[in-house]
Amino acid sequence: MAIVVNLDVMMAKRKMSLTKLSEEVGITKANLSILKNNKAKAIRFSTLEAICKVLDCQPGDILEYSDD
């Protein structure tokens, strides 16, 4: 079982680059890239909230449960 991060999908829907999202959210491109590429082990609720605010979406639009 795994949690899949669909950040790249939401970014594409909103036509937002990693650089722009990084500036808007206030976290580094490197950390966003780790999240976007499903390499993150955890995410802070404050970070998730900021991403959702900037992308105008719900946490469920970004995070998905996948039963391997």
PDB file of N, CA and C in Angstrom:
ATOM      1  N   MET A   1       0.832  -1.182   0.000  1.00  0.00           N
ATOM      2  CA  MET A   1       0.000   0.000   0.000  1.00  0.00           C
ATOM      3  C   MET A   1       0.875   1.242   0.000  1.00  0.00           C
ATOM      4  N   ALA A   2       0.389   2.275  -0.651  1.00  0.00           N
ATOM      5  CA  ALA A   2       1.201   3.479  -0.791  1.00  0.00           C
ATOM      6  C   ALA A   2       0.329   4.705  -0.967  1.00  0.00           C
ATOM      7  N   ILE A   3       0.862   5.805  -0.560  1.00  0.00           N
ATOM      8  CA  ILE A   3       0.236   7.094  -0.825  1.00  0.00           C
ATOM      9  C   ILE A   3       0.951   7.683  -2.033  1.00  0.00           C
ATOM     10  N   VAL A   4       0.186   8.019  -3.048  1.00  0.00           N
ATOM     11  CA  VAL A   4       0.737   8.591  -4.271  1.00  0.00           C
ATOM     12  C   VAL A   4       0.480  10.099  -4.247  1.00  0.00           C
ATOM     13  N   VAL A   5       1.506  10.859  -4.570  1.00  0.00           N
ATOM     14  CA  VAL A   5       1.390  12.322  -4.615  1.00  0.00           C
ATOM     15  C   VAL A   5       1.193  12.741  -6.068  1.00  0.00           C
ATOM     16  N   ASN A   6       0.055  13.350  -6.340  1.00  0.00           N
ATOM     17  CA  ASN A   6      -0.284  13.799  -7.694  1.00  0.00           C
ATOM     18  C   ASN A   6      -0.068  15.304  -7.856  1.00  0.00           C
ATOM     19  N   LEU A   7       0.984  15.805  -7.246  1.00  0.00           N
ATOM     20  CA  LEU A   7       1.269  17.241  -7.304  1.00  0.00           C
ATOM     21  C   LEU A   7       1.519  17.690  -8.738  1.00  0.00           C
ATOM     22  N   ASP A   8       2.222  16.893  -9.514  1.00  0.00           N
ATOM     23  CA  ASP A   8       2.515  17.266 -10.898  1.00  0.00           C
ATOM     24  C   ASP A   8       1.239  17.395 -11.725  1.00  0.00           C
ATOM     25  N   VAL A   9       0.242  16.556 -11.427  1.00  0.00           N
ATOM     26  CA  VAL A   9      -1.040  16.618 -12.148  1.00  0.00           C
ATOM     27  C   VAL A   9      -1.749  17.937 -11.839  1.00  0.00           C
ATOM     28  N   MET A  10      -1.800  18.299 -10.564  1.00  0.00           N
ATOM     29  CA  MET A  10      -2.470  19.553 -10.175  1.00  0.00           C
ATOM     30  C   MET A  10      -1.715  20.769 -10.708  1.00  0.00           C
ATOM     31  N   MET A  11      -0.388  20.693 -10.704  1.00  0.00           N
ATOM     32  CA  MET A  11       0.398  21.796 -11.244  1.00  0.00           C
ATOM     33  C   MET A  11       0.114  21.968 -12.732  1.00  0.00           C
ATOM     34  N   ALA A  12       0.003  20.869 -13.454  1.00  0.00           N
ATOM     35  CA  ALA A  12      -0.292  20.936 -14.891  1.00  0.00           C
ATOM     36  C   ALA A  12      -1.689  21.503 -15.125  1.00  0.00           C
ATOM     37  N   LYS A  13      -2.655  21.081 -14.322  1.00  0.00           N
ATOM     38  CA  LYS A  13      -4.030  21.593 -14.458  1.00  0.00           C
ATOM     39  C   LYS A  13      -4.089  23.095 -14.225  1.00  0.00           C
ATOM     40  N   ARG A  14      -3.268  23.567 -13.300  1.00  0.00           N
ATOM     41  CA  ARG A  14      -3.254  25.006 -12.969  1.00  0.00           C
ATOM     42  C   ARG A  14      -2.212  25.774 -13.784  1.00  0.00           C
ATOM     43  N   LYS A  15      -1.492  25.049 -14.669  1.00  0.00           N
ATOM     44  CA  LYS A  15      -0.442  25.655 -15.504  1.00  0.00           C
ATOM     45  C   LYS A  15       0.570  26.426 -14.651  1.00  0.00           C
ATOM     46  N   MET A  16       1.038  25.766 -13.594  1.00  0.00           N
ATOM     47  CA  MET A  16       1.982  26.396 -12.683  1.00  0.00           C
ATOM     48  C   MET A  16       3.294  25.617 -12.682  1.00  0.00           C
ATOM     49  N   SER A  17       4.383  26.335 -12.773  1.00  0.00           N
ATOM     50  CA  SER A  17       5.704  25.713 -12.764  1.00  0.00           C
ATOM     51  C   SER A  17       6.141  25.413 -11.329  1.00  0.00           C
ATOM     52  N   LEU A  18       7.133  24.556 -11.215  1.00  0.00           N
ATOM     53  CA  LEU A  18       7.691  24.226  -9.910  1.00  0.00           C
ATOM     54  C   LEU A  18       8.287  25.473  -9.260  1.00  0.00           C
ATOM     55  N   THR A  19       8.931  26.303 -10.060  1.00  0.00           N
ATOM     56  CA  THR A  19       9.533  27.535  -9.544  1.00  0.00           C
ATOM     57  C   THR A  19       8.468  28.475  -8.988  1.00  0.00           C
ATOM     58  N   LYS A  20       7.397  28.659  -9.737  1.00  0.00           N
ATOM     59  CA  LYS A  20       6.320  29.557  -9.303  1.00  0.00           C
ATOM     60  C   LYS A  20       5.640  29.019  -8.044  1.00  0.00           C
ATOM     61  N   LEU A  21       5.366  27.711  -8.020  1.00  0.00           N
ATOM     62  CA  LEU A  21       4.738  27.116  -6.833  1.00  0.00           C
ATOM     63  C   LEU A  21       5.650  27.255  -5.624  1.00  0.00           C
ATOM     64  N   SER A  22       6.936  27.043  -5.822  1.00  0.00           N
ATOM     65  CA  SER A  22       7.915  27.184  -4.748  1.00  0.00           C
ATOM     66  C   SER A  22       7.886  28.596  -4.163  1.00  0.00           C
ATOM     67  N   GLU A  23       7.851  29.594  -5.031  1.00  0.00           N
ATOM     68  CA  GLU A  23       7.798  30.990  -4.580  1.00  0.00           C
ATOM     69  C   GLU A  23       6.511  31.276  -3.825  1.00  0.00           C
ATOM     70  N   GLU A  24       5.394  30.798  -4.344  1.00  0.00           N
ATOM     71  CA  GLU A  24       4.078  31.065  -3.751  1.00  0.00           C
ATOM     72  C   GLU A  24       3.917  30.367  -2.400  1.00  0.00           C
ATOM     73  N   VAL A  25       4.402  29.129  -2.301  1.00  0.00           N
ATOM     74  CA  VAL A  25       4.229  28.337  -1.084  1.00  0.00           C
ATOM     75  C   VAL A  25       5.283  28.695  -0.038  1.00  0.00           C
ATOM     76  N   GLY A  26       6.468  29.067  -0.495  1.00  0.00           N
ATOM     77  CA  GLY A  26       7.530  29.446   0.428  1.00  0.00           C
ATOM     78  C   GLY A  26       8.400  28.277   0.864  1.00  0.00           C
ATOM     79  N   ILE A  27       8.516  27.250   0.016  1.00  0.00           N
ATOM     80  CA  ILE A  27       9.451  26.157   0.290  1.00  0.00           C
ATOM     81  C   ILE A  27      10.351  25.980  -0.931  1.00  0.00           C
ATOM     82  N   THR A  28      11.466  25.317  -0.723  1.00  0.00           N
ATOM     83  CA  THR A  28      12.451  25.213  -1.796  1.00  0.00           C
ATOM     84  C   THR A  28      11.962  24.342  -2.950  1.00  0.00           C
ATOM     85  N   LYS A  29      12.523  24.610  -4.117  1.00  0.00           N
ATOM     86  CA  LYS A  29      12.206  23.780  -5.289  1.00  0.00           C
ATOM     87  C   LYS A  29      12.643  22.343  -5.042  1.00  0.00           C
ATOM     88  N   ALA A  30      13.748  22.164  -4.348  1.00  0.00           N
ATOM     89  CA  ALA A  30      14.252  20.817  -4.063  1.00  0.00           C
ATOM     90  C   ALA A  30      13.239  20.029  -3.228  1.00  0.00           C
ATOM     91  N   ASN A  31      12.680  20.659  -2.206  1.00  0.00           N
ATOM     92  CA  ASN A  31      11.697  19.970  -1.369  1.00  0.00           C
ATOM     93  C   ASN A  31      10.407  19.697  -2.131  1.00  0.00           C
ATOM     94  N   LEU A  32       9.984  20.629  -2.960  1.00  0.00           N
ATOM     95  CA  LEU A  32       8.797  20.397  -3.783  1.00  0.00           C
ATOM     96  C   LEU A  32       9.043  19.280  -4.783  1.00  0.00           C
ATOM     97  N   SER A  33      10.232  19.234  -5.322  1.00  0.00           N
ATOM     98  CA  SER A  33      10.591  18.200  -6.282  1.00  0.00           C
ATOM     99  C   SER A  33      10.549  16.815  -5.637  1.00  0.00           C
ATOM    100  N   ILE A  34      11.036  16.708  -4.417  1.00  0.00           N
ATOM    101  CA  ILE A  34      10.982  15.447  -3.672  1.00  0.00           C
ATOM    102  C   ILE A  34       9.535  15.018  -3.490  1.00  0.00           C
ATOM    103  N   LEU A  35       8.684  15.954  -3.153  1.00  0.00           N
ATOM    104  CA  LEU A  35       7.264  15.667  -2.986  1.00  0.00           C
ATOM    105  C   LEU A  35       6.627  15.275  -4.309  1.00  0.00           C
ATOM    106  N   LYS A  36       6.911  16.035  -5.337  1.00  0.00           N
ATOM    107  CA  LYS A  36       6.340  15.802  -6.670  1.00  0.00           C
ATOM    108  C   LYS A  36       6.733  14.446  -7.242  1.00  0.00           C
ATOM    109  N   ASN A  37       7.935  13.998  -6.945  1.00  0.00           N
ATOM    110  CA  ASN A  37       8.448  12.744  -7.489  1.00  0.00           C
ATOM    111  C   ASN A  37       8.201  11.542  -6.577  1.00  0.00           C
ATOM    112  N   ASN A  38       7.279  11.703  -5.627  1.00  0.00           N
ATOM    113  CA  ASN A  38       6.898  10.622  -4.702  1.00  0.00           C
ATOM    114  C   ASN A  38       8.071  10.061  -3.903  1.00  0.00           C
ATOM    115  N   LYS A  39       9.024  10.903  -3.548  1.00  0.00           N
ATOM    116  CA  LYS A  39      10.173  10.477  -2.753  1.00  0.00           C
ATOM    117  C   LYS A  39      10.037  10.896  -1.291  1.00  0.00           C
ATOM    118  N   ALA A  40       9.021  11.689  -0.977  1.00  0.00           N
ATOM    119  CA  ALA A  40       8.841  12.201   0.382  1.00  0.00           C
ATOM    120  C   ALA A  40       8.312  11.110   1.309  1.00  0.00           C
ATOM    121  N   LYS A  41       8.782  11.123   2.535  1.00  0.00           N
ATOM    122  CA  LYS A  41       8.315  10.188   3.557  1.00  0.00           C
ATOM    123  C   LYS A  41       7.179  10.798   4.372  1.00  0.00           C
ATOM    124  N   ALA A  42       7.065  12.121   4.364  1.00  0.00           N
ATOM    125  CA  ALA A  42       6.050  12.812   5.162  1.00  0.00           C
ATOM    126  C   ALA A  42       5.824  14.201   4.576  1.00  0.00           C
ATOM    127  N   ILE A  43       4.709  14.792   4.971  1.00  0.00           N
ATOM    128  CA  ILE A  43       4.422  16.181   4.601  1.00  0.00           C
ATOM    129  C   ILE A  43       3.742  16.848   5.790  1.00  0.00           C
ATOM    130  N   ARG A  44       4.132  18.037   6.082  1.00  0.00           N
ATOM    131  CA  ARG A  44       3.500  18.793   7.166  1.00  0.00           C
ATOM    132  C   ARG A  44       2.142  19.295   6.700  1.00  0.00           C
ATOM    133  N   PHE A  45       1.206  19.310   7.629  1.00  0.00           N
ATOM    134  CA  PHE A  45      -0.111  19.833   7.293  1.00  0.00           C
ATOM    135  C   PHE A  45      -0.032  21.284   6.846  1.00  0.00           C
ATOM    136  N   SER A  46       0.869  22.061   7.424  1.00  0.00           N
ATOM    137  CA  SER A  46       0.998  23.460   7.035  1.00  0.00           C
ATOM    138  C   SER A  46       1.476  23.586   5.589  1.00  0.00           C
ATOM    139  N   THR A  47       2.355  22.683   5.165  1.00  0.00           N
ATOM    140  CA  THR A  47       2.822  22.675   3.777  1.00  0.00           C
ATOM    141  C   THR A  47       1.703  22.257   2.848  1.00  0.00           C
ATOM    142  N   LEU A  48       0.983  21.203   3.219  1.00  0.00           N
ATOM    143  CA  LEU A  48      -0.143  20.733   2.414  1.00  0.00           C
ATOM    144  C   LEU A  48      -1.203  21.820   2.290  1.00  0.00           C
ATOM    145  N   GLU A  49      -1.470  22.512   3.391  1.00  0.00           N
ATOM    146  CA  GLU A  49      -2.440  23.602   3.383  1.00  0.00           C
ATOM    147  C   GLU A  49      -2.005  24.716   2.433  1.00  0.00           C
ATOM    148  N   ALA A  50      -0.735  25.084   2.481  1.00  0.00           N
ATOM    149  CA  ALA A  50      -0.213  26.150   1.613  1.00  0.00           C
ATOM    150  C   ALA A  50      -0.290  25.750   0.144  1.00  0.00           C
ATOM    151  N   ILE A  51       0.051  24.499  -0.164  1.00  0.00           N
ATOM    152  CA  ILE A  51      -0.022  24.018  -1.545  1.00  0.00           C
ATOM    153  C   ILE A  51      -1.466  24.046  -2.034  1.00  0.00           C
ATOM    154  N   CYS A  52      -2.381  23.562  -1.194  1.00  0.00           N
ATOM    155  CA  CYS A  52      -3.802  23.548  -1.570  1.00  0.00           C
ATOM    156  C   CYS A  52      -4.338  24.969  -1.781  1.00  0.00           C
ATOM    157  N   LYS A  53      -3.897  25.894  -0.951  1.00  0.00           N
ATOM    158  CA  LYS A  53      -4.337  27.282  -1.088  1.00  0.00           C
ATOM    159  C   LYS A  53      -3.867  27.872  -2.415  1.00  0.00           C
ATOM    160  N   VAL A  54      -2.593  27.660  -2.733  1.00  0.00           N
ATOM    161  CA  VAL A  54      -2.027  28.214  -3.964  1.00  0.00           C
ATOM    162  C   VAL A  54      -2.637  27.556  -5.203  1.00  0.00           C
ATOM    163  N   LEU A  55      -2.820  26.240  -5.154  1.00  0.00           N
ATOM    164  CA  LEU A  55      -3.352  25.520  -6.316  1.00  0.00           C
ATOM    165  C   LEU A  55      -4.887  25.491  -6.339  1.00  0.00           C
ATOM    166  N   ASP A  56      -5.509  26.059  -5.300  1.00  0.00           N
ATOM    167  CA  ASP A  56      -6.975  26.097  -5.196  1.00  0.00           C
ATOM    168  C   ASP A  56      -7.561  24.689  -5.369  1.00  0.00           C
ATOM    169  N   CYS A  57      -7.129  23.783  -4.487  1.00  0.00           N
ATOM    170  CA  CYS A  57      -7.586  22.399  -4.556  1.00  0.00           C
ATOM    171  C   CYS A  57      -7.752  21.831  -3.152  1.00  0.00           C
ATOM    172  N   GLN A  58      -8.190  20.606  -3.072  1.00  0.00           N
ATOM    173  CA  GLN A  58      -8.352  19.886  -1.816  1.00  0.00           C
ATOM    174  C   GLN A  58      -7.187  18.913  -1.639  1.00  0.00           C
ATOM    175  N   PRO A  59      -6.867  18.517  -0.390  1.00  0.00           N
ATOM    176  CA  PRO A  59      -5.791  17.553  -0.174  1.00  0.00           C
ATOM    177  C   PRO A  59      -5.986  16.260  -0.976  1.00  0.00           C
ATOM    178  N   GLY A  60      -7.227  15.832  -1.139  1.00  0.00           N
ATOM    179  CA  GLY A  60      -7.520  14.627  -1.915  1.00  0.00           C
ATOM    180  C   GLY A  60      -7.201  14.766  -3.394  1.00  0.00           C
ATOM    181  N   ASP A  61      -7.062  16.002  -3.869  1.00  0.00           N
ATOM    182  CA  ASP A  61      -6.668  16.217  -5.267  1.00  0.00           C
ATOM    183  C   ASP A  61      -5.172  15.951  -5.449  1.00  0.00           C
ATOM    184  N   ILE A  62      -4.427  16.035  -4.352  1.00  0.00           N
ATOM    185  CA  ILE A  62      -2.983  15.872  -4.400  1.00  0.00           C
ATOM    186  C   ILE A  62      -2.547  14.489  -3.908  1.00  0.00           C
ATOM    187  N   LEU A  63      -3.196  14.002  -2.846  1.00  0.00           N
ATOM    188  CA  LEU A  63      -2.831  12.727  -2.255  1.00  0.00           C
ATOM    189  C   LEU A  63      -3.838  11.645  -2.621  1.00  0.00           C
ATOM    190  N   GLU A  64      -3.319  10.477  -2.955  1.00  0.00           N
ATOM    191  CA  GLU A  64      -4.158   9.355  -3.373  1.00  0.00           C
ATOM    192  C   GLU A  64      -3.632   8.074  -2.743  1.00  0.00           C
ATOM    193  N   TYR A  65      -4.536   7.250  -2.234  1.00  0.00           N
ATOM    194  CA  TYR A  65      -4.149   5.954  -1.683  1.00  0.00           C
ATOM    195  C   TYR A  65      -4.194   4.926  -2.801  1.00  0.00           C
ATOM    196  N   SER A  66      -3.122   4.144  -2.904  1.00  0.00           N
ATOM    197  CA  SER A  66      -3.045   3.104  -3.911  1.00  0.00           C
ATOM    198  C   SER A  66      -2.672   1.791  -3.252  1.00  0.00           C
ATOM    199  N   ASP A  67      -3.508   0.788  -3.413  1.00  0.00           N
ATOM    200  CA  ASP A  67      -3.225  -0.530  -2.858  1.00  0.00           C
ATOM    201  C   ASP A  67      -2.377  -1.291  -3.861  1.00  0.00           C
ATOM    202  N   ASP A  68      -1.095  -1.412  -3.558  1.00  0.00           N
ATOM    203  CA  ASP A  68      -0.159  -2.078  -4.472  1.00  0.00           C
ATOM    204  C   ASP A  68      -0.686  -3.431  -4.779  1.00  0.00           C
TER     205      ASP A  68
END
